[in-house]
């Protein structure tokens, strides 16, 4: 009976079990001697996506006659989808402003 209770106890969400402090994470060197900066995946600074999913080559530049002005919330700046960044890459007359 005790074993069944212990296995069922961990099936409950953490909020029902009570708060538990997560284990403290300390910096440890990587096993192969590299630091985390050298292990980071390549990153495209133009579209702000990983190099594997970079869309810069696929977005065609359009010379639009109408100027498009986008007002963007600061928290949306680094949103993973990045619609504003795609628009900036593809539109000739585009202005982006943070609210």
PDB file of N, CA and C in Angstrom:
ATOM      1  N   UNK A   1       0.816  -1.192   0.000  1.00  0.00           N
ATOM      2  CA  UNK A   1       0.000   0.000   0.000  1.00  0.00           C
ATOM      3  C   UNK A   1       0.863   1.260   0.000  1.00  0.00           C
ATOM      4  N   UNK A   2       1.961   1.255   0.710  1.00  0.00           N
ATOM      5  CA  UNK A   2       2.840   2.416   0.752  1.00  0.00           C
ATOM      6  C   UNK A   2       3.438   2.693  -0.617  1.00  0.00           C
ATOM      7  N   UNK A   3       3.830   1.649  -1.332  1.00  0.00           N
ATOM      8  CA  UNK A   3       4.419   1.822  -2.656  1.00  0.00           C
ATOM      9  C   UNK A   3       3.399   2.428  -3.608  1.00  0.00           C
ATOM     10  N   UNK A   4       2.148   1.955  -3.539  1.00  0.00           N
ATOM     11  CA  UNK A   4       1.104   2.491  -4.412  1.00  0.00           C
ATOM     12  C   UNK A   4       0.866   3.974  -4.121  1.00  0.00           C
ATOM     13  N   UNK A   5       0.886   4.332  -2.832  1.00  0.00           N
ATOM     14  CA  UNK A   5       0.680   5.736  -2.489  1.00  0.00           C
ATOM     15  C   UNK A   5       1.810   6.597  -3.023  1.00  0.00           C
ATOM     16  N   UNK A   6       3.037   6.127  -2.905  1.00  0.00           N
ATOM     17  CA  UNK A   6       4.168   6.918  -3.382  1.00  0.00           C
ATOM     18  C   UNK A   6       4.130   7.072  -4.901  1.00  0.00           C
ATOM     19  N   UNK A   7       3.747   6.042  -5.622  1.00  0.00           N
ATOM     20  CA  UNK A   7       3.692   6.185  -7.077  1.00  0.00           C
ATOM     21  C   UNK A   7       2.548   7.107  -7.483  1.00  0.00           C
ATOM     22  N   UNK A   8       1.419   7.012  -6.787  1.00  0.00           N
ATOM     23  CA  UNK A   8       0.300   7.887  -7.119  1.00  0.00           C
ATOM     24  C   UNK A   8       0.559   9.323  -6.682  1.00  0.00           C
ATOM     25  N   UNK A   9       1.325   9.488  -5.626  1.00  0.00           N
ATOM     26  CA  UNK A   9       1.611  10.825  -5.120  1.00  0.00           C
ATOM     27  C   UNK A   9       2.289  11.681  -6.182  1.00  0.00           C
ATOM     28  N   UNK A  10       3.158  11.097  -6.966  1.00  0.00           N
ATOM     29  CA  UNK A  10       3.892  11.859  -7.963  1.00  0.00           C
ATOM     30  C   UNK A  10       3.075  12.092  -9.229  1.00  0.00           C
ATOM     31  N   UNK A  11       1.905  11.483  -9.318  1.00  0.00           N
ATOM     32  CA  UNK A  11       1.044  11.744 -10.467  1.00  0.00           C
ATOM     33  C   UNK A  11       0.274  13.052 -10.310  1.00  0.00           C
ATOM     34  N   UNK A  12       0.156  13.542  -9.089  1.00  0.00           N
ATOM     35  CA  UNK A  12      -0.544  14.797  -8.859  1.00  0.00           C
ATOM     36  C   UNK A  12       0.302  15.962  -9.344  1.00  0.00           C
ATOM     37  N   UNK A  13      -0.326  17.040  -9.800  1.00  0.00           N
ATOM     38  CA  UNK A  13       0.451  18.210 -10.204  1.00  0.00           C
ATOM     39  C   UNK A  13       1.202  18.805  -9.013  1.00  0.00           C
ATOM     40  N   UNK A  14       2.230  19.563  -9.303  1.00  0.00           N
ATOM     41  CA  UNK A  14       3.075  20.136  -8.255  1.00  0.00           C
ATOM     42  C   UNK A  14       2.286  21.058  -7.332  1.00  0.00           C
ATOM     43  N   UNK A  15       1.270  21.744  -7.858  1.00  0.00           N
ATOM     44  CA  UNK A  15       0.516  22.663  -7.005  1.00  0.00           C
ATOM     45  C   UNK A  15      -0.273  21.916  -5.936  1.00  0.00           C
ATOM     46  N   UNK A  16      -0.630  20.638  -6.182  1.00  0.00           N
ATOM     47  CA  UNK A  16      -1.339  19.854  -5.179  1.00  0.00           C
ATOM     48  C   UNK A  16      -0.377  19.185  -4.198  1.00  0.00           C
ATOM     49  N   UNK A  17       0.847  18.920  -4.627  1.00  0.00           N
ATOM     50  CA  UNK A  17       1.841  18.294  -3.743  1.00  0.00           C
ATOM     51  C   UNK A  17       2.456  19.303  -2.794  1.00  0.00           C
ATOM     52  N   UNK A  18       2.373  20.561  -3.113  1.00  0.00           N
ATOM     53  CA  UNK A  18       3.065  21.582  -2.334  1.00  0.00           C
ATOM     54  C   UNK A  18       4.290  22.031  -3.108  1.00  0.00           C
ATOM     55  N   UNK A  19       4.751  23.224  -2.804  1.00  0.00           N
ATOM     56  CA  UNK A  19       5.865  23.788  -3.549  1.00  0.00           C
ATOM     57  C   UNK A  19       7.149  23.091  -3.184  1.00  0.00           C
ATOM     58  N   UNK A  20       7.960  22.776  -4.187  1.00  0.00           N
ATOM     59  CA  UNK A  20       9.267  22.165  -3.964  1.00  0.00           C
ATOM     60  C   UNK A  20      10.301  23.022  -4.660  1.00  0.00           C
ATOM     61  N   UNK A  21      11.387  23.308  -3.971  1.00  0.00           N
ATOM     62  CA  UNK A  21      12.459  24.117  -4.545  1.00  0.00           C
ATOM     63  C   UNK A  21      13.174  23.310  -5.623  1.00  0.00           C
ATOM     64  N   UNK A  22      13.359  23.868  -6.812  1.00  0.00           N
ATOM     65  CA  UNK A  22      14.099  23.147  -7.855  1.00  0.00           C
ATOM     66  C   UNK A  22      15.562  22.995  -7.449  1.00  0.00           C
ATOM     67  N   UNK A  23      16.230  21.967  -7.928  1.00  0.00           N
ATOM     68  CA  UNK A  23      17.639  21.794  -7.574  1.00  0.00           C
ATOM     69  C   UNK A  23      18.464  22.965  -8.089  1.00  0.00           C
ATOM     70  N   UNK A  24      19.427  23.375  -7.294  1.00  0.00           N
ATOM     71  CA  UNK A  24      20.257  24.515  -7.666  1.00  0.00           C
ATOM     72  C   UNK A  24      21.187  24.120  -8.800  1.00  0.00           C
ATOM     73  N   UNK A  25      21.231  24.965  -9.821  1.00  0.00           N
ATOM     74  CA  UNK A  25      22.096  24.686 -10.968  1.00  0.00           C
ATOM     75  C   UNK A  25      23.366  25.500 -10.832  1.00  0.00           C
ATOM     76  N   UNK A  26      24.465  24.847 -10.872  1.00  0.00           N
ATOM     77  CA  UNK A  26      25.752  25.521 -10.800  1.00  0.00           C
ATOM     78  C   UNK A  26      26.454  25.354 -12.136  1.00  0.00           C
ATOM     79  N   UNK A  27      27.322  26.302 -12.439  1.00  0.00           N
ATOM     80  CA  UNK A  27      28.067  26.218 -13.679  1.00  0.00           C
ATOM     81  C   UNK A  27      29.060  25.085 -13.586  1.00  0.00           C
ATOM     82  N   UNK A  28      29.076  24.251 -14.616  1.00  0.00           N
ATOM     83  CA  UNK A  28      30.044  23.160 -14.705  1.00  0.00           C
ATOM     84  C   UNK A  28      30.640  23.188 -16.100  1.00  0.00           C
ATOM     85  N   UNK A  29      31.934  22.956 -16.224  1.00  0.00           N
ATOM     86  CA  UNK A  29      32.528  22.939 -17.561  1.00  0.00           C
ATOM     87  C   UNK A  29      31.956  21.801 -18.393  1.00  0.00           C
ATOM     88  N   UNK A  30      31.876  22.020 -19.695  1.00  0.00           N
ATOM     89  CA  UNK A  30      31.364  20.991 -20.597  1.00  0.00           C
ATOM     90  C   UNK A  30      32.356  19.836 -20.650  1.00  0.00           C
ATOM     91  N   UNK A  31      31.880  18.591 -20.782  1.00  0.00           N
ATOM     92  CA  UNK A  31      32.781  17.435 -20.770  1.00  0.00           C
ATOM     93  C   UNK A  31      33.881  17.477 -21.829  1.00  0.00           C
ATOM     94  N   UNK A  32      33.615  18.084 -22.996  1.00  0.00           N
ATOM     95  CA  UNK A  32      34.653  18.098 -24.028  1.00  0.00           C
ATOM     96  C   UNK A  32      35.557  19.328 -23.934  1.00  0.00           C
ATOM     97  N   UNK A  33      35.386  20.152 -22.902  1.00  0.00           N
ATOM     98  CA  UNK A  33      36.272  21.280 -22.677  1.00  0.00           C
ATOM     99  C   UNK A  33      35.822  22.576 -23.314  1.00  0.00           C
ATOM    100  N   UNK A  34      34.704  22.590 -24.042  1.00  0.00           N
ATOM    101  CA  UNK A  34      34.206  23.810 -24.684  1.00  0.00           C
ATOM    102  C   UNK A  34      33.284  24.548 -23.721  1.00  0.00           C
ATOM    103  N   UNK A  35      33.199  25.844 -23.877  1.00  0.00           N
ATOM    104  CA  UNK A  35      32.209  26.570 -23.097  1.00  0.00           C
ATOM    105  C   UNK A  35      30.918  26.658 -23.910  1.00  0.00           C
ATOM    106  N   UNK A  36      29.863  27.163 -23.284  1.00  0.00           N
ATOM    107  CA  UNK A  36      28.549  27.160 -23.938  1.00  0.00           C
ATOM    108  C   UNK A  36      28.502  28.053 -25.166  1.00  0.00           C
ATOM    109  N   UNK A  37      29.287  29.108 -25.204  1.00  0.00           N
ATOM    110  CA  UNK A  37      29.253  30.010 -26.351  1.00  0.00           C
ATOM    111  C   UNK A  37      29.743  29.327 -27.620  1.00  0.00           C
ATOM    112  N   UNK A  38      30.697  28.432 -27.508  1.00  0.00           N
ATOM    113  CA  UNK A  38      31.174  27.736 -28.699  1.00  0.00           C
ATOM    114  C   UNK A  38      30.225  26.621 -29.104  1.00  0.00           C
ATOM    115  N   UNK A  39      29.374  26.179 -28.180  1.00  0.00           N
ATOM    116  CA  UNK A  39      28.422  25.120 -28.501  1.00  0.00           C
ATOM    117  C   UNK A  39      27.097  25.666 -29.033  1.00  0.00           C
ATOM    118  N   UNK A  40      26.903  26.979 -28.995  1.00  0.00           N
ATOM    119  CA  UNK A  40      25.649  27.562 -29.459  1.00  0.00           C
ATOM    120  C   UNK A  40      25.487  27.337 -30.959  1.00  0.00           C
ATOM    121  N   UNK A  41      24.248  27.111 -31.366  1.00  0.00           N
ATOM    122  CA  UNK A  41      23.999  26.878 -32.792  1.00  0.00           C
ATOM    123  C   UNK A  41      24.157  28.175 -33.572  1.00  0.00           C
ATOM    124  N   UNK A  42      24.499  28.074 -34.849  1.00  0.00           N
ATOM    125  CA  UNK A  42      24.658  29.278 -35.679  1.00  0.00           C
ATOM    126  C   UNK A  42      23.340  30.049 -35.768  1.00  0.00           C
ATOM    127  N   UNK A  43      23.447  31.367 -35.820  1.00  0.00           N
ATOM    128  CA  UNK A  43      22.294  32.245 -35.721  1.00  0.00           C
ATOM    129  C   UNK A  43      22.375  33.316 -36.802  1.00  0.00           C
ATOM    130  N   UNK A  44      21.275  33.563 -37.511  1.00  0.00           N
ATOM    131  CA  UNK A  44      21.231  34.612 -38.529  1.00  0.00           C
ATOM    132  C   UNK A  44      20.819  35.923 -37.857  1.00  0.00           C
ATOM    133  N   UNK A  45      21.674  36.936 -37.948  1.00  0.00           N
ATOM    134  CA  UNK A  45      21.389  38.212 -37.302  1.00  0.00           C
ATOM    135  C   UNK A  45      20.514  39.117 -38.159  1.00  0.00           C
ATOM    136  N   UNK A  46      20.181  38.694 -39.347  1.00  0.00           N
ATOM    137  CA  UNK A  46      19.308  39.495 -40.204  1.00  0.00           C
ATOM    138  C   UNK A  46      17.835  39.180 -39.940  1.00  0.00           C
ATOM    139  N   UNK A  47      17.495  37.883 -39.888  1.00  0.00           N
ATOM    140  CA  UNK A  47      16.104  37.496 -39.627  1.00  0.00           C
ATOM    141  C   UNK A  47      15.899  37.007 -38.190  1.00  0.00           C
ATOM    142  N   UNK A  48      16.961  36.931 -37.405  1.00  0.00           N
ATOM    143  CA  UNK A  48      16.911  36.518 -35.998  1.00  0.00           C
ATOM    144  C   UNK A  48      16.340  35.114 -35.827  1.00  0.00           C
ATOM    145  N   UNK A  49      16.751  34.216 -36.694  1.00  0.00           N
ATOM    146  CA  UNK A  49      16.346  32.813 -36.605  1.00  0.00           C
ATOM    147  C   UNK A  49      17.600  31.950 -36.629  1.00  0.00           C
ATOM    148  N   UNK A  50      17.506  30.689 -36.166  1.00  0.00           N
ATOM    149  CA  UNK A  50      18.660  29.800 -36.295  1.00  0.00           C
ATOM    150  C   UNK A  50      19.047  29.643 -37.761  1.00  0.00           C
ATOM    151  N   UNK A  51      20.330  29.440 -38.031  1.00  0.00           N
ATOM    152  CA  UNK A  51      20.812  29.354 -39.415  1.00  0.00           C
ATOM    153  C   UNK A  51      20.127  28.235 -40.188  1.00  0.00           C
ATOM    154  N   UNK A  52      19.719  27.184 -39.509  1.00  0.00           N
ATOM    155  CA  UNK A  52      19.037  26.064 -40.180  1.00  0.00           C
ATOM    156  C   UNK A  52      17.692  26.511 -40.741  1.00  0.00           C
ATOM    157  N   UNK A  53      17.006  27.405 -40.050  1.00  0.00           N
ATOM    158  CA  UNK A  53      15.682  27.861 -40.485  1.00  0.00           C
ATOM    159  C   UNK A  53      15.706  29.290 -41.024  1.00  0.00           C
ATOM    160  N   UNK A  54      16.853  29.779 -41.439  1.00  0.00           N
ATOM    161  CA  UNK A  54      16.986  31.144 -41.964  1.00  0.00           C
ATOM    162  C   UNK A  54      16.100  31.321 -43.201  1.00  0.00           C
ATOM    163  N   UNK A  55      15.375  32.441 -43.245  1.00  0.00           N
ATOM    164  CA  UNK A  55      14.444  32.696 -44.347  1.00  0.00           C
ATOM    165  C   UNK A  55      14.916  33.823 -45.257  1.00  0.00           C
ATOM    166  N   UNK A  56      16.083  34.365 -45.010  1.00  0.00           N
ATOM    167  CA  UNK A  56      16.562  35.529 -45.774  1.00  0.00           C
ATOM    168  C   UNK A  56      16.630  35.249 -47.274  1.00  0.00           C
ATOM    169  N   UNK A  57      17.091  34.089 -47.665  1.00  0.00           N
ATOM    170  CA  UNK A  57      17.224  33.767 -49.086  1.00  0.00           C
ATOM    171  C   UNK A  57      15.869  33.519 -49.745  1.00  0.00           C
ATOM    172  N   UNK A  58      14.861  33.156 -48.976  1.00  0.00           N
ATOM    173  CA  UNK A  58      13.552  32.821 -49.535  1.00  0.00           C
ATOM    174  C   UNK A  58      12.622  34.024 -49.667  1.00  0.00           C
ATOM    175  N   UNK A  59      12.878  35.065 -48.897  1.00  0.00           N
ATOM    176  CA  UNK A  59      12.007  36.245 -48.934  1.00  0.00           C
ATOM    177  C   UNK A  59      12.418  37.126 -50.106  1.00  0.00           C
ATOM    178  N   UNK A  60      11.462  37.361 -51.012  1.00  0.00           N
ATOM    179  CA  UNK A  60      11.735  38.211 -52.175  1.00  0.00           C
ATOM    180  C   UNK A  60      11.412  39.661 -51.830  1.00  0.00           C
ATOM    181  N   UNK A  61      12.275  40.549 -52.231  1.00  0.00           N
ATOM    182  CA  UNK A  61      12.115  41.980 -51.963  1.00  0.00           C
ATOM    183  C   UNK A  61      11.073  42.558 -52.914  1.00  0.00           C
ATOM    184  N   UNK A  62      10.109  43.287 -52.381  1.00  0.00           N
ATOM    185  CA  UNK A  62       9.049  43.915 -53.160  1.00  0.00           C
ATOM    186  C   UNK A  62       9.185  45.427 -53.006  1.00  0.00           C
ATOM    187  N   UNK A  63       9.237  46.134 -54.129  1.00  0.00           N
ATOM    188  CA  UNK A  63       9.280  47.595 -54.089  1.00  0.00           C
ATOM    189  C   UNK A  63       7.848  48.119 -54.103  1.00  0.00           C
ATOM    190  N   UNK A  64       7.268  48.243 -52.931  1.00  0.00           N
ATOM    191  CA  UNK A  64       5.880  48.684 -52.820  1.00  0.00           C
ATOM    192  C   UNK A  64       5.793  50.203 -52.922  1.00  0.00           C
ATOM    193  N   UNK A  65       4.692  50.692 -53.521  1.00  0.00           N
ATOM    194  CA  UNK A  65       4.498  52.133 -53.676  1.00  0.00           C
ATOM    195  C   UNK A  65       3.977  52.763 -52.388  1.00  0.00           C
ATOM    196  N   UNK A  66       3.171  52.021 -51.660  1.00  0.00           N
ATOM    197  CA  UNK A  66       2.591  52.526 -50.419  1.00  0.00           C
ATOM    198  C   UNK A  66       3.527  52.213 -49.257  1.00  0.00           C
ATOM    199  N   UNK A  67       3.829  53.221 -48.476  1.00  0.00           N
ATOM    200  CA  UNK A  67       4.695  53.009 -47.320  1.00  0.00           C
ATOM    201  C   UNK A  67       3.892  52.342 -46.207  1.00  0.00           C
ATOM    202  N   UNK A  68       4.432  51.301 -45.648  1.00  0.00           N
ATOM    203  CA  UNK A  68       3.778  50.571 -44.564  1.00  0.00           C
ATOM    204  C   UNK A  68       4.494  50.912 -43.268  1.00  0.00           C
ATOM    205  N   UNK A  69       3.707  51.313 -42.282  1.00  0.00           N
ATOM    206  CA  UNK A  69       4.248  51.695 -40.989  1.00  0.00           C
ATOM    207  C   UNK A  69       3.678  50.754 -39.944  1.00  0.00           C
ATOM    208  N   UNK A  70       4.529  50.074 -39.206  1.00  0.00           N
ATOM    209  CA  UNK A  70       4.099  49.079 -38.224  1.00  0.00           C
ATOM    210  C   UNK A  70       4.437  49.567 -36.828  1.00  0.00           C
ATOM    211  N   UNK A  71       3.442  49.593 -35.973  1.00  0.00           N
ATOM    212  CA  UNK A  71       3.625  49.937 -34.575  1.00  0.00           C
ATOM    213  C   UNK A  71       3.651  48.626 -33.796  1.00  0.00           C
ATOM    214  N   UNK A  72       4.758  48.340 -33.141  1.00  0.00           N
ATOM    215  CA  UNK A  72       4.955  47.042 -32.506  1.00  0.00           C
ATOM    216  C   UNK A  72       5.184  47.209 -31.007  1.00  0.00           C
ATOM    217  N   UNK A  73       4.599  46.309 -30.230  1.00  0.00           N
ATOM    218  CA  UNK A  73       4.804  46.295 -28.783  1.00  0.00           C
ATOM    219  C   UNK A  73       6.213  45.771 -28.495  1.00  0.00           C
ATOM    220  N   UNK A  74       6.915  46.310 -27.504  1.00  0.00           N
ATOM    221  CA  UNK A  74       8.291  45.872 -27.227  1.00  0.00           C
ATOM    222  C   UNK A  74       8.426  44.385 -26.918  1.00  0.00           C
ATOM    223  N   UNK A  75       7.400  43.785 -26.305  1.00  0.00           N
ATOM    224  CA  UNK A  75       7.494  42.356 -25.987  1.00  0.00           C
ATOM    225  C   UNK A  75       7.387  41.471 -27.223  1.00  0.00           C
ATOM    226  N   UNK A  76       6.855  42.005 -28.304  1.00  0.00           N
ATOM    227  CA  UNK A  76       6.728  41.228 -29.530  1.00  0.00           C
ATOM    228  C   UNK A  76       7.990  41.274 -30.382  1.00  0.00           C
ATOM    229  N   UNK A  77       8.973  42.023 -29.947  1.00  0.00           N
ATOM    230  CA  UNK A  77      10.178  42.217 -30.752  1.00  0.00           C
ATOM    231  C   UNK A  77      10.892  40.909 -31.067  1.00  0.00           C
ATOM    232  N   UNK A  78      11.008  40.049 -30.086  1.00  0.00           N
ATOM    233  CA  UNK A  78      11.719  38.788 -30.292  1.00  0.00           C
ATOM    234  C   UNK A  78      10.773  37.594 -30.296  1.00  0.00           C
ATOM    235  N   UNK A  79       9.554  37.796 -30.740  1.00  0.00           N
ATOM    236  CA  UNK A  79       8.608  36.686 -30.862  1.00  0.00           C
ATOM    237  C   UNK A  79       9.139  35.703 -31.902  1.00  0.00           C
ATOM    238  N   UNK A  80       9.025  34.395 -31.658  1.00  0.00           N
ATOM    239  CA  UNK A  80       9.625  33.410 -32.566  1.00  0.00           C
ATOM    240  C   UNK A  80       9.152  33.490 -34.015  1.00  0.00           C
ATOM    241  N   UNK A  81       7.901  33.839 -34.245  1.00  0.00           N
ATOM    242  CA  UNK A  81       7.401  33.883 -35.621  1.00  0.00           C
ATOM    243  C   UNK A  81       7.980  35.082 -36.356  1.00  0.00           C
ATOM    244  N   UNK A  82       7.989  36.228 -35.738  1.00  0.00           N
ATOM    245  CA  UNK A  82       8.663  37.400 -36.285  1.00  0.00           C
ATOM    246  C   UNK A  82       8.063  37.949 -37.559  1.00  0.00           C
ATOM    247  N   UNK A  83       6.763  38.201 -37.579  1.00  0.00           N
ATOM    248  CA  UNK A  83       6.114  38.732 -38.769  1.00  0.00           C
ATOM    249  C   UNK A  83       6.674  40.095 -39.158  1.00  0.00           C
ATOM    250  N   UNK A  84       6.984  40.930 -38.185  1.00  0.00           N
ATOM    251  CA  UNK A  84       7.539  42.252 -38.486  1.00  0.00           C
ATOM    252  C   UNK A  84       8.919  42.131 -39.125  1.00  0.00           C
ATOM    253  N   UNK A  85       9.724  41.189 -38.678  1.00  0.00           N
ATOM    254  CA  UNK A  85      11.048  40.995 -39.282  1.00  0.00           C
ATOM    255  C   UNK A  85      10.925  40.503 -40.716  1.00  0.00           C
ATOM    256  N   UNK A  86       9.955  39.639 -40.979  1.00  0.00           N
ATOM    257  CA  UNK A  86       9.737  39.151 -42.343  1.00  0.00           C
ATOM    258  C   UNK A  86       9.290  40.308 -43.236  1.00  0.00           C
ATOM    259  N   UNK A  87       8.405  41.160 -42.713  1.00  0.00           N
ATOM    260  CA  UNK A  87       7.951  42.321 -43.484  1.00  0.00           C
ATOM    261  C   UNK A  87       9.109  43.269 -43.763  1.00  0.00           C
ATOM    262  N   UNK A  88       9.985  43.473 -42.796  1.00  0.00           N
ATOM    263  CA  UNK A  88      11.139  44.354 -42.996  1.00  0.00           C
ATOM    264  C   UNK A  88      12.068  43.806 -44.072  1.00  0.00           C
ATOM    265  N   UNK A  89      12.209  42.485 -44.138  1.00  0.00           N
ATOM    266  CA  UNK A  89      13.063  41.874 -45.160  1.00  0.00           C
ATOM    267  C   UNK A  89      12.449  41.986 -46.554  1.00  0.00           C
ATOM    268  N   UNK A  90      11.118  41.883 -46.640  1.00  0.00           N
ATOM    269  CA  UNK A  90      10.485  41.775 -47.945  1.00  0.00           C
ATOM    270  C   UNK A  90       9.925  43.047 -48.535  1.00  0.00           C
ATOM    271  N   UNK A  91       9.725  44.080 -47.739  1.00  0.00           N
ATOM    272  CA  UNK A  91       9.100  45.297 -48.245  1.00  0.00           C
ATOM    273  C   UNK A  91      10.121  46.414 -48.388  1.00  0.00           C
ATOM    274  N   UNK A  92      10.059  47.112 -49.514  1.00  0.00           N
ATOM    275  CA  UNK A  92      10.996  48.199 -49.770  1.00  0.00           C
ATOM    276  C   UNK A  92      10.710  49.425 -48.922  1.00  0.00           C
ATOM    277  N   UNK A  93       9.440  49.817 -48.843  1.00  0.00           N
ATOM    278  CA  UNK A  93       9.060  51.002 -48.067  1.00  0.00           C
ATOM    279  C   UNK A  93       8.350  50.526 -46.810  1.00  0.00           C
ATOM    280  N   UNK A  94       9.134  50.314 -45.776  1.00  0.00           N
ATOM    281  CA  UNK A  94       8.608  49.768 -44.525  1.00  0.00           C
ATOM    282  C   UNK A  94       9.285  50.474 -43.363  1.00  0.00           C
ATOM    283  N   UNK A  95       8.489  50.898 -42.414  1.00  0.00           N
ATOM    284  CA  UNK A  95       9.029  51.536 -41.215  1.00  0.00           C
ATOM    285  C   UNK A  95       8.421  50.863 -39.995  1.00  0.00           C
ATOM    286  N   UNK A  96       9.269  50.551 -39.032  1.00  0.00           N
ATOM    287  CA  UNK A  96       8.838  49.851 -37.828  1.00  0.00           C
ATOM    288  C   UNK A  96       9.156  50.717 -36.619  1.00  0.00           C
ATOM    289  N   UNK A  97       8.175  50.863 -35.726  1.00  0.00           N
ATOM    290  CA  UNK A  97       8.349  51.666 -34.527  1.00  0.00           C
ATOM    291  C   UNK A  97       7.887  50.868 -33.321  1.00  0.00           C
ATOM    292  N   UNK A  98       8.645  50.955 -32.240  1.00  0.00           N
ATOM    293  CA  UNK A  98       8.253  50.302 -30.994  1.00  0.00           C
ATOM    294  C   UNK A  98       7.324  51.227 -30.213  1.00  0.00           C
ATOM    295  N   UNK A  99       6.276  50.653 -29.647  1.00  0.00           N
ATOM    296  CA  UNK A  99       5.312  51.446 -28.872  1.00  0.00           C
ATOM    297  C   UNK A  99       5.827  51.716 -27.483  1.00  0.00           C
TER     298      UNK A  99
END
